[in-house]
Amino acid sequence: MPIPTLLAKLTAKPGHEADLHAALEAAVRAVDVAEPGMLAYTMHTVVGEPGTFWFYEQYADDAAVAAHRSSPHLATLITAVREHADGGIEVIRLTPVMGISR
């Protein structure tokens, strides 16, 4: 069974870029401490678009995905997203086709 992999996109409201960035950094720190089933949780910004954030997420299994979705730190992040993001969180679940992992 493939490792659950997701991409998540968030876009800050104009003038809220720093606040959203701070909330996202706090989420990364919380995931690192509290979610042993998280294999990768990497925040990226888009070149030339400092208010657009992408997350690359890999989980050990579907139970780890469920644990993330029900975590208190994700609930905290959702509150910040409502205040600082333009829209919600766009999530795309990926299925691996071919690649190299080293």
PDB file of N, CA and C in Angstrom:
ATOM      1  N   MET A   1       0.849  -1.188   0.000  1.00  0.00           N
ATOM      2  CA  MET A   1       0.000   0.000   0.000  1.00  0.00           C
ATOM      3  C   MET A   1       0.892   1.248   0.000  1.00  0.00           C
ATOM      4  N   PRO A   2       0.589   2.223  -0.856  1.00  0.00           N
ATOM      5  CA  PRO A   2       1.422   3.430  -0.921  1.00  0.00           C
ATOM      6  C   PRO A   2       1.335   4.253   0.365  1.00  0.00           C
ATOM      7  N   ILE A   3       2.407   4.971   0.637  1.00  0.00           N
ATOM      8  CA  ILE A   3       2.453   5.893   1.777  1.00  0.00           C
ATOM      9  C   ILE A   3       1.506   7.052   1.485  1.00  0.00           C
ATOM     10  N   PRO A   4       0.552   7.357   2.393  1.00  0.00           N
ATOM     11  CA  PRO A   4      -0.326   8.504   2.162  1.00  0.00           C
ATOM     12  C   PRO A   4       0.485   9.794   2.026  1.00  0.00           C
ATOM     13  N   THR A   5       0.276  10.483   0.911  1.00  0.00           N
ATOM     14  CA  THR A   5       0.995  11.713   0.607  1.00  0.00           C
ATOM     15  C   THR A   5       0.000  12.783   0.201  1.00  0.00           C
ATOM     16  N   LEU A   6       0.146  13.967   0.775  1.00  0.00           N
ATOM     17  CA  LEU A   6      -0.768  15.062   0.466  1.00  0.00           C
ATOM     18  C   LEU A   6       0.006  16.329   0.153  1.00  0.00           C
ATOM     19  N   LEU A   7      -0.625  17.193  -0.634  1.00  0.00           N
ATOM     20  CA  LEU A   7      -0.182  18.567  -0.827  1.00  0.00           C
ATOM     21  C   LEU A   7      -1.288  19.441  -0.263  1.00  0.00           C
ATOM     22  N   ALA A   8      -0.918  20.467   0.467  1.00  0.00           N
ATOM     23  CA  ALA A   8      -1.899  21.406   1.006  1.00  0.00           C
ATOM     24  C   ALA A   8      -1.452  22.820   0.659  1.00  0.00           C
ATOM     25  N   LYS A   9      -2.400  23.610   0.183  1.00  0.00           N
ATOM     26  CA  LYS A   9      -2.102  24.983  -0.230  1.00  0.00           C
ATOM     27  C   LYS A   9      -2.922  25.964   0.603  1.00  0.00           C
ATOM     28  N   LEU A  10      -2.256  27.019   1.057  1.00  0.00           N
ATOM     29  CA  LEU A  10      -2.909  28.100   1.786  1.00  0.00           C
ATOM     30  C   LEU A  10      -2.418  29.414   1.215  1.00  0.00           C
ATOM     31  N   THR A  11      -3.306  30.377   1.126  1.00  0.00           N
ATOM     32  CA  THR A  11      -2.954  31.702   0.628  1.00  0.00           C
ATOM     33  C   THR A  11      -3.399  32.734   1.657  1.00  0.00           C
ATOM     34  N   ALA A  12      -2.481  33.594   2.055  1.00  0.00           N
ATOM     35  CA  ALA A  12      -2.781  34.614   3.061  1.00  0.00           C
ATOM     36  C   ALA A  12      -3.649  35.722   2.483  1.00  0.00           C
ATOM     37  N   LYS A  13      -4.497  36.277   3.345  1.00  0.00           N
ATOM     38  CA  LYS A  13      -5.204  37.501   2.991  1.00  0.00           C
ATOM     39  C   LYS A  13      -4.158  38.608   2.859  1.00  0.00           C
ATOM     40  N   PRO A  14      -4.401  39.588   2.012  1.00  0.00           N
ATOM     41  CA  PRO A  14      -3.453  40.705   1.913  1.00  0.00           C
ATOM     42  C   PRO A  14      -3.223  41.337   3.290  1.00  0.00           C
ATOM     43  N   GLY A  15      -1.964  41.519   3.636  1.00  0.00           N
ATOM     44  CA  GLY A  15      -1.598  42.097   4.927  1.00  0.00           C
ATOM     45  C   GLY A  15      -1.515  41.093   6.057  1.00  0.00           C
ATOM     46  N   HIS A  16      -1.866  39.829   5.809  1.00  0.00           N
ATOM     47  CA  HIS A  16      -1.857  38.796   6.852  1.00  0.00           C
ATOM     48  C   HIS A  16      -0.750  37.761   6.629  1.00  0.00           C
ATOM     49  N   GLU A  17       0.155  38.041   5.705  1.00  0.00           N
ATOM     50  CA  GLU A  17       1.183  37.062   5.350  1.00  0.00           C
ATOM     51  C   GLU A  17       2.023  36.634   6.557  1.00  0.00           C
ATOM     52  N   ALA A  18       2.493  37.585   7.333  1.00  0.00           N
ATOM     53  CA  ALA A  18       3.353  37.267   8.482  1.00  0.00           C
ATOM     54  C   ALA A  18       2.591  36.483   9.548  1.00  0.00           C
ATOM     55  N   ASP A  19       1.331  36.843   9.778  1.00  0.00           N
ATOM     56  CA  ASP A  19       0.527  36.138  10.786  1.00  0.00           C
ATOM     57  C   ASP A  19       0.265  34.699  10.369  1.00  0.00           C
ATOM     58  N   LEU A  20      -0.071  34.489   9.097  1.00  0.00           N
ATOM     59  CA  LEU A  20      -0.301  33.123   8.627  1.00  0.00           C
ATOM     60  C   LEU A  20       0.999  32.332   8.675  1.00  0.00           C
ATOM     61  N   HIS A  21       2.095  32.946   8.255  1.00  0.00           N
ATOM     62  CA  HIS A  21       3.395  32.277   8.296  1.00  0.00           C
ATOM     63  C   HIS A  21       3.721  31.821   9.718  1.00  0.00           C
ATOM     64  N   ALA A  22       3.506  32.684  10.685  1.00  0.00           N
ATOM     65  CA  ALA A  22       3.786  32.337  12.084  1.00  0.00           C
ATOM     66  C   ALA A  22       2.916  31.176  12.558  1.00  0.00           C
ATOM     67  N   ALA A  23       1.638  31.188  12.194  1.00  0.00           N
ATOM     68  CA  ALA A  23       0.734  30.101  12.582  1.00  0.00           C
ATOM     69  C   ALA A  23       1.167  28.783  11.944  1.00  0.00           C
ATOM     70  N   LEU A  24       1.614  28.839  10.704  1.00  0.00           N
ATOM     71  CA  LEU A  24       2.063  27.632  10.012  1.00  0.00           C
ATOM     72  C   LEU A  24       3.355  27.095  10.630  1.00  0.00           C
ATOM     73  N   GLU A  25       4.275  27.984  10.993  1.00  0.00           N
ATOM     74  CA  GLU A  25       5.506  27.542  11.657  1.00  0.00           C
ATOM     75  C   GLU A  25       5.191  26.869  12.987  1.00  0.00           C
ATOM     76  N   ALA A  26       4.236  27.413  13.719  1.00  0.00           N
ATOM     77  CA  ALA A  26       3.831  26.803  14.994  1.00  0.00           C
ATOM     78  C   ALA A  26       3.254  25.413  14.759  1.00  0.00           C
ATOM     79  N   ALA A  27       2.504  25.258  13.687  1.00  0.00           N
ATOM     80  CA  ALA A  27       1.938  23.948  13.360  1.00  0.00           C
ATOM     81  C   ALA A  27       3.036  22.941  13.047  1.00  0.00           C
ATOM     82  N   VAL A  28       4.047  23.357  12.308  1.00  0.00           N
ATOM     83  CA  VAL A  28       5.153  22.450  11.982  1.00  0.00           C
ATOM     84  C   VAL A  28       5.854  21.994  13.262  1.00  0.00           C
ATOM     85  N   ARG A  29       6.112  22.923  14.166  1.00  0.00           N
ATOM     86  CA  ARG A  29       6.756  22.561  15.435  1.00  0.00           C
ATOM     87  C   ARG A  29       5.893  21.577  16.230  1.00  0.00           C
ATOM     88  N   ALA A  30       4.587  21.811  16.269  1.00  0.00           N
ATOM     89  CA  ALA A  30       3.690  20.930  17.020  1.00  0.00           C
ATOM     90  C   ALA A  30       3.631  19.538  16.398  1.00  0.00           C
ATOM     91  N   VAL A  31       3.575  19.469  15.082  1.00  0.00           N
ATOM     92  CA  VAL A  31       3.550  18.174  14.401  1.00  0.00           C
ATOM     93  C   VAL A  31       4.831  17.407  14.706  1.00  0.00           C
ATOM     94  N   ASP A  32       5.956  18.093  14.693  1.00  0.00           N
ATOM     95  CA  ASP A  32       7.240  17.442  14.955  1.00  0.00           C
ATOM     96  C   ASP A  32       7.249  16.776  16.320  1.00  0.00           C
ATOM     97  N   VAL A  33       6.661  17.427  17.308  1.00  0.00           N
ATOM     98  CA  VAL A  33       6.661  16.911  18.675  1.00  0.00           C
ATOM     99  C   VAL A  33       5.589  15.837  18.887  1.00  0.00           C
ATOM    100  N   ALA A  34       4.418  16.031  18.309  1.00  0.00           N
ATOM    101  CA  ALA A  34       3.254  15.232  18.694  1.00  0.00           C
ATOM    102  C   ALA A  34       2.827  14.134  17.723  1.00  0.00           C
ATOM    103  N   GLU A  35       3.422  14.071  16.537  1.00  0.00           N
ATOM    104  CA  GLU A  35       2.919  13.114  15.551  1.00  0.00           C
ATOM    105  C   GLU A  35       4.024  12.184  15.037  1.00  0.00           C
ATOM    106  N   PRO A  36       4.237  11.069  15.732  1.00  0.00           N
ATOM    107  CA  PRO A  36       5.267  10.136  15.283  1.00  0.00           C
ATOM    108  C   PRO A  36       4.946   9.472  13.936  1.00  0.00           C
ATOM    109  N   GLY A  37       3.691   9.474  13.532  1.00  0.00           N
ATOM    110  CA  GLY A  37       3.306   8.882  12.249  1.00  0.00           C
ATOM    111  C   GLY A  37       3.502   9.796  11.063  1.00  0.00           C
ATOM    112  N   MET A  38       3.974  11.009  11.315  1.00  0.00           N
ATOM    113  CA  MET A  38       4.238  11.960  10.233  1.00  0.00           C
ATOM    114  C   MET A  38       5.660  11.731   9.747  1.00  0.00           C
ATOM    115  N   LEU A  39       5.793  11.352   8.494  1.00  0.00           N
ATOM    116  CA  LEU A  39       7.113  11.092   7.920  1.00  0.00           C
ATOM    117  C   LEU A  39       7.727  12.358   7.347  1.00  0.00           C
ATOM    118  N   ALA A  40       6.899  13.222   6.776  1.00  0.00           N
ATOM    119  CA  ALA A  40       7.368  14.494   6.212  1.00  0.00           C
ATOM    120  C   ALA A  40       6.251  15.514   6.349  1.00  0.00           C
ATOM    121  N   TYR A  41       6.611  16.709   6.758  1.00  0.00           N
ATOM    122  CA  TYR A  41       5.653  17.811   6.897  1.00  0.00           C
ATOM    123  C   TYR A  41       6.458  19.073   6.629  1.00  0.00           C
ATOM    124  N   THR A  42       6.548  19.438   5.366  1.00  0.00           N
ATOM    125  CA  THR A  42       7.459  20.485   4.938  1.00  0.00           C
ATOM    126  C   THR A  42       6.685  21.660   4.363  1.00  0.00           C
ATOM    127  N   MET A  43       6.917  22.844   4.931  1.00  0.00           N
ATOM    128  CA  MET A  43       6.271  24.059   4.454  1.00  0.00           C
ATOM    129  C   MET A  43       7.144  24.722   3.401  1.00  0.00           C
ATOM    130  N   HIS A  44       6.519  25.152   2.320  1.00  0.00           N
ATOM    131  CA  HIS A  44       7.214  25.848   1.237  1.00  0.00           C
ATOM    132  C   HIS A  44       6.472  27.147   0.933  1.00  0.00           C
ATOM    133  N   THR A  45       7.204  28.142   0.451  1.00  0.00           N
ATOM    134  CA  THR A  45       6.574  29.321  -0.121  1.00  0.00           C
ATOM    135  C   THR A  45       6.826  29.293  -1.624  1.00  0.00           C
ATOM    136  N   VAL A  46       6.052  30.073  -2.330  1.00  0.00           N
ATOM    137  CA  VAL A  46       6.177  30.148  -3.781  1.00  0.00           C
ATOM    138  C   VAL A  46       7.056  31.345  -4.125  1.00  0.00           C
ATOM    139  N   VAL A  47       8.033  31.132  -4.978  1.00  0.00           N
ATOM    140  CA  VAL A  47       8.922  32.215  -5.392  1.00  0.00           C
ATOM    141  C   VAL A  47       8.081  33.351  -5.978  1.00  0.00           C
ATOM    142  N   GLY A  48       8.265  34.546  -5.451  1.00  0.00           N
ATOM    143  CA  GLY A  48       7.526  35.708  -5.930  1.00  0.00           C
ATOM    144  C   GLY A  48       6.130  35.849  -5.336  1.00  0.00           C
ATOM    145  N   GLU A  49       5.707  34.891  -4.506  1.00  0.00           N
ATOM    146  CA  GLU A  49       4.387  34.941  -3.863  1.00  0.00           C
ATOM    147  C   GLU A  49       4.553  34.599  -2.383  1.00  0.00           C
ATOM    148  N   PRO A  50       5.073  35.517  -1.582  1.00  0.00           N
ATOM    149  CA  PRO A  50       5.377  35.196  -0.187  1.00  0.00           C
ATOM    150  C   PRO A  50       4.152  34.859   0.670  1.00  0.00           C
ATOM    151  N   GLY A  51       2.964  35.118   0.189  1.00  0.00           N
ATOM    152  CA  GLY A  51       1.761  34.793   0.948  1.00  0.00           C
ATOM    153  C   GLY A  51       1.125  33.474   0.543  1.00  0.00           C
ATOM    154  N   THR A  52       1.781  32.742  -0.358  1.00  0.00           N
ATOM    155  CA  THR A  52       1.264  31.440  -0.778  1.00  0.00           C
ATOM    156  C   THR A  52       2.151  30.359  -0.181  1.00  0.00           C
ATOM    157  N   PHE A  53       1.527  29.421   0.520  1.00  0.00           N
ATOM    158  CA  PHE A  53       2.249  28.360   1.215  1.00  0.00           C
ATOM    159  C   PHE A  53       1.761  27.004   0.726  1.00  0.00           C
ATOM    160  N   TRP A  54       2.702  26.109   0.498  1.00  0.00           N
ATOM    161  CA  TRP A  54       2.411  24.723   0.144  1.00  0.00           C
ATOM    162  C   TRP A  54       3.040  23.823   1.199  1.00  0.00           C
ATOM    163  N   PHE A  55       2.321  22.790   1.579  1.00  0.00           N
ATOM    164  CA  PHE A  55       2.854  21.769   2.466  1.00  0.00           C
ATOM    165  C   PHE A  55       2.951  20.456   1.709  1.00  0.00           C
ATOM    166  N   TYR A  56       4.083  19.788   1.884  1.00  0.00           N
ATOM    167  CA  TYR A  56       4.267  18.432   1.399  1.00  0.00           C
ATOM    168  C   TYR A  56       4.190  17.545   2.632  1.00  0.00           C
ATOM    169  N   GLU A  57       3.228  16.618   2.636  1.00  0.00           N
ATOM    170  CA  GLU A  57       2.980  15.796   3.818  1.00  0.00           C
ATOM    171  C   GLU A  57       3.025  14.324   3.451  1.00  0.00           C
ATOM    172  N   GLN A  58       3.770  13.541   4.223  1.00  0.00           N
ATOM    173  CA  GLN A  58       3.777  12.091   4.068  1.00  0.00           C
ATOM    174  C   GLN A  58       3.528  11.465   5.428  1.00  0.00           C
ATOM    175  N   TYR A  59       2.671  10.463   5.435  1.00  0.00           N
ATOM    176  CA  TYR A  59       2.247   9.796   6.660  1.00  0.00           C
ATOM    177  C   TYR A  59       2.604   8.314   6.608  1.00  0.00           C
ATOM    178  N   ALA A  60       2.835   7.724   7.769  1.00  0.00           N
ATOM    179  CA  ALA A  60       3.162   6.304   7.838  1.00  0.00           C
ATOM    180  C   ALA A  60       2.014   5.437   7.324  1.00  0.00           C
ATOM    181  N   ASP A  61       0.780   5.877   7.590  1.00  0.00           N
ATOM    182  CA  ASP A  61      -0.395   5.111   7.184  1.00  0.00           C
ATOM    183  C   ASP A  61      -1.636   5.997   7.336  1.00  0.00           C
ATOM    184  N   ASP A  62      -2.795   5.442   6.991  1.00  0.00           N
ATOM    185  CA  ASP A  62      -4.032   6.228   7.082  1.00  0.00           C
ATOM    186  C   ASP A  62      -4.390   6.586   8.524  1.00  0.00           C
ATOM    187  N   ALA A  63      -3.979   5.767   9.479  1.00  0.00           N
ATOM    188  CA  ALA A  63      -4.222   6.093  10.891  1.00  0.00           C
ATOM    189  C   ALA A  63      -3.467   7.367  11.283  1.00  0.00           C
ATOM    190  N   ALA A  64      -2.284   7.557  10.733  1.00  0.00           N
ATOM    191  CA  ALA A  64      -1.510   8.781  11.016  1.00  0.00           C
ATOM    192  C   ALA A  64      -2.186  10.002  10.395  1.00  0.00           C
ATOM    193  N   VAL A  65      -2.797   9.826   9.225  1.00  0.00           N
ATOM    194  CA  VAL A  65      -3.560  10.922   8.606  1.00  0.00           C
ATOM    195  C   VAL A  65      -4.726  11.294   9.518  1.00  0.00           C
ATOM    196  N   ALA A  66      -5.437  10.282   9.999  1.00  0.00           N
ATOM    197  CA  ALA A  66      -6.584  10.528  10.887  1.00  0.00           C
ATOM    198  C   ALA A  66      -6.139  11.204  12.181  1.00  0.00           C
ATOM    199  N   ALA A  67      -4.991  10.780  12.726  1.00  0.00           N
ATOM    200  CA  ALA A  67      -4.479  11.404  13.955  1.00  0.00           C
ATOM    201  C   ALA A  67      -4.154  12.871  13.722  1.00  0.00           C
ATOM    202  N   HIS A  68      -3.592  13.182  12.570  1.00  0.00           N
ATOM    203  CA  HIS A  68      -3.285  14.579  12.244  1.00  0.00           C
ATOM    204  C   HIS A  68      -4.566  15.402  12.160  1.00  0.00           C
ATOM    205  N   ARG A  69      -5.546  14.873  11.462  1.00  0.00           N
ATOM    206  CA  ARG A  69      -6.803  15.611  11.267  1.00  0.00           C
ATOM    207  C   ARG A  69      -7.548  15.860  12.564  1.00  0.00           C
ATOM    208  N   SER A  70      -7.360  15.000  13.557  1.00  0.00           N
ATOM    209  CA  SER A  70      -8.077  15.169  14.827  1.00  0.00           C
ATOM    210  C   SER A  70      -7.202  15.787  15.919  1.00  0.00           C
ATOM    211  N   SER A  71      -6.000  16.240  15.567  1.00  0.00           N
ATOM    212  CA  SER A  71      -5.077  16.782  16.570  1.00  0.00           C
ATOM    213  C   SER A  71      -5.489  18.176  17.034  1.00  0.00           C
ATOM    214  N   PRO A  72      -5.196  18.493  18.289  1.00  0.00           N
ATOM    215  CA  PRO A  72      -5.514  19.836  18.791  1.00  0.00           C
ATOM    216  C   PRO A  72      -4.716  20.929  18.077  1.00  0.00           C
ATOM    217  N   HIS A  73      -3.493  20.627  17.651  1.00  0.00           N
ATOM    218  CA  HIS A  73      -2.717  21.664  16.972  1.00  0.00           C
ATOM    219  C   HIS A  73      -3.269  21.954  15.577  1.00  0.00           C
ATOM    220  N   LEU A  74      -3.893  20.979  14.931  1.00  0.00           N
ATOM    221  CA  LEU A  74      -4.541  21.281  13.649  1.00  0.00           C
ATOM    222  C   LEU A  74      -5.787  22.139  13.890  1.00  0.00           C
ATOM    223  N   ALA A  75      -6.513  21.866  14.966  1.00  0.00           N
ATOM    224  CA  ALA A  75      -7.674  22.706  15.306  1.00  0.00           C
ATOM    225  C   ALA A  75      -7.234  24.150  15.545  1.00  0.00           C
ATOM    226  N   THR A  76      -6.103  24.326  16.220  1.00  0.00           N
ATOM    227  CA  THR A  76      -5.560  25.671  16.443  1.00  0.00           C
ATOM    228  C   THR A  76      -5.200  26.322  15.116  1.00  0.00           C
ATOM    229  N   LEU A  77      -4.588  25.552  14.233  1.00  0.00           N
ATOM    230  CA  LEU A  77      -4.219  26.089  12.926  1.00  0.00           C
ATOM    231  C   LEU A  77      -5.464  26.486  12.128  1.00  0.00           C
ATOM    232  N   ILE A  78      -6.507  25.682  12.184  1.00  0.00           N
ATOM    233  CA  ILE A  78      -7.742  25.995  11.449  1.00  0.00           C
ATOM    234  C   ILE A  78      -8.304  27.338  11.909  1.00  0.00           C
ATOM    235  N   THR A  79      -8.237  27.614  13.202  1.00  0.00           N
ATOM    236  CA  THR A  79      -8.691  28.907  13.723  1.00  0.00           C
ATOM    237  C   THR A  79      -7.872  30.037  13.099  1.00  0.00           C
ATOM    238  N   ALA A  80      -6.556  29.875  13.026  1.00  0.00           N
ATOM    239  CA  ALA A  80      -5.697  30.896  12.419  1.00  0.00           C
ATOM    240  C   ALA A  80      -5.963  31.030  10.926  1.00  0.00           C
ATOM    241  N   VAL A  81      -6.228  29.911  10.269  1.00  0.00           N
ATOM    242  CA  VAL A  81      -6.525  29.934   8.833  1.00  0.00           C
ATOM    243  C   VAL A  81      -7.791  30.747   8.576  1.00  0.00           C
ATOM    244  N   ARG A  82      -8.792  30.563   9.398  1.00  0.00           N
ATOM    245  CA  ARG A  82     -10.040  31.329   9.240  1.00  0.00           C
ATOM    246  C   ARG A  82      -9.789  32.831   9.344  1.00  0.00           C
ATOM    247  N   GLU A  83      -8.847  33.210  10.199  1.00  0.00           N
ATOM    248  CA  GLU A  83      -8.556  34.627  10.404  1.00  0.00           C
ATOM    249  C   GLU A  83      -7.603  35.198   9.350  1.00  0.00           C
ATOM    250  N   HIS A  84      -6.607  34.422   8.947  1.00  0.00           N
ATOM    251  CA  HIS A  84      -5.517  34.980   8.146  1.00  0.00           C
ATOM    252  C   HIS A  84      -5.428  34.479   6.700  1.00  0.00           C
ATOM    253  N   ALA A  85      -6.144  33.423   6.359  1.00  0.00           N
ATOM    254  CA  ALA A  85      -6.035  32.879   4.999  1.00  0.00           C
ATOM    255  C   ALA A  85      -7.210  33.327   4.142  1.00  0.00           C
ATOM    256  N   ASP A  86      -6.922  33.485   2.884  1.00  0.00           N
ATOM    257  CA  ASP A  86      -7.938  33.832   1.889  1.00  0.00           C
ATOM    258  C   ASP A  86      -8.539  32.518   1.399  1.00  0.00           C
ATOM    259  N   GLY A  87      -9.634  32.107   2.024  1.00  0.00           N
ATOM    260  CA  GLY A  87     -10.210  30.791   1.745  1.00  0.00           C
ATOM    261  C   GLY A  87      -9.679  29.796   2.753  1.00  0.00           C
ATOM    262  N   GLY A  88      -9.934  28.541   2.524  1.00  0.00           N
ATOM    263  CA  GLY A  88      -9.502  27.504   3.451  1.00  0.00           C
ATOM    264  C   GLY A  88      -8.192  26.886   3.029  1.00  0.00           C
ATOM    265  N   ILE A  89      -8.060  25.628   3.351  1.00  0.00           N
ATOM    266  CA  ILE A  89      -6.884  24.854   2.990  1.00  0.00           C
ATOM    267  C   ILE A  89      -7.274  23.940   1.838  1.00  0.00           C
ATOM    268  N   GLU A  90      -6.586  24.081   0.734  1.00  0.00           N
ATOM    269  CA  GLU A  90      -6.819  23.189  -0.410  1.00  0.00           C
ATOM    270  C   GLU A  90      -5.919  21.968  -0.218  1.00  0.00           C
ATOM    271  N   VAL A  91      -6.516  20.780  -0.175  1.00  0.00           N
ATOM    272  CA  VAL A  91      -5.753  19.558   0.050  1.00  0.00           C
ATOM    273  C   VAL A  91      -5.918  18.636  -1.141  1.00  0.00           C
ATOM    274  N   ILE A  92      -4.797  18.107  -1.605  1.00  0.00           N
ATOM    275  CA  ILE A  92      -4.775  17.166  -2.722  1.00  0.00           C
ATOM    276  C   ILE A  92      -4.077  15.906  -2.237  1.00  0.00           C
ATOM    277  N   ARG A  93      -4.732  14.765  -2.398  1.00  0.00           N
ATOM    278  CA  ARG A  93      -4.099  13.487  -2.040  1.00  0.00           C
ATOM    279  C   ARG A  93      -3.450  12.916  -3.288  1.00  0.00           C
ATOM    280  N   LEU A  94      -2.191  12.532  -3.161  1.00  0.00           N
ATOM    281  CA  LEU A  94      -1.413  12.036  -4.294  1.00  0.00           C
ATOM    282  C   LEU A  94      -1.318  10.512  -4.266  1.00  0.00           C
ATOM    283  N   THR A  95      -1.217   9.934  -5.448  1.00  0.00           N
ATOM    284  CA  THR A  95      -0.941   8.509  -5.609  1.00  0.00           C
ATOM    285  C   THR A  95       0.361   8.378  -6.374  1.00  0.00           C
ATOM    286  N   PRO A  96       1.351   7.689  -5.819  1.00  0.00           N
ATOM    287  CA  PRO A  96       2.615   7.574  -6.530  1.00  0.00           C
ATOM    288  C   PRO A  96       2.466   6.723  -7.784  1.00  0.00           C
ATOM    289  N   VAL A  97       3.160   7.153  -8.816  1.00  0.00           N
ATOM    290  CA  VAL A  97       3.161   6.426 -10.076  1.00  0.00           C
ATOM    291  C   VAL A  97       4.559   5.879 -10.341  1.00  0.00           C
ATOM    292  N   MET A  98       5.542   6.743 -10.223  1.00  0.00           N
ATOM    293  CA  MET A  98       6.926   6.348 -10.479  1.00  0.00           C
ATOM    294  C   MET A  98       7.837   7.411  -9.885  1.00  0.00           C
ATOM    295  N   GLY A  99       9.005   7.022  -9.436  1.00  0.00           N
ATOM    296  CA  GLY A  99       9.931   8.024  -8.923  1.00  0.00           C
ATOM    297  C   GLY A  99      11.152   7.418  -8.288  1.00  0.00           C
ATOM    298  N   ILE A 100      11.973   8.303  -7.761  1.00  0.00           N
ATOM    299  CA  ILE A 100      13.207   7.919  -7.095  1.00  0.00           C
ATOM    300  C   ILE A 100      13.184   8.547  -5.709  1.00  0.00           C
ATOM    301  N   SER A 101      13.485   7.770  -4.707  1.00  0.00           N
ATOM    302  CA  SER A 101      13.580   8.273  -3.342  1.00  0.00           C
ATOM    303  C   SER A 101      14.893   7.780  -2.771  1.00  0.00           C
ATOM    304  N   ARG A 102      15.725   8.683  -2.319  1.00  0.00           N
ATOM    305  CA  ARG A 102      17.044   8.298  -1.796  1.00  0.00           C
ATOM    306  C   ARG A 102      17.166   8.685  -0.356  1.00  0.00           C
TER     307      ARG A 102
END
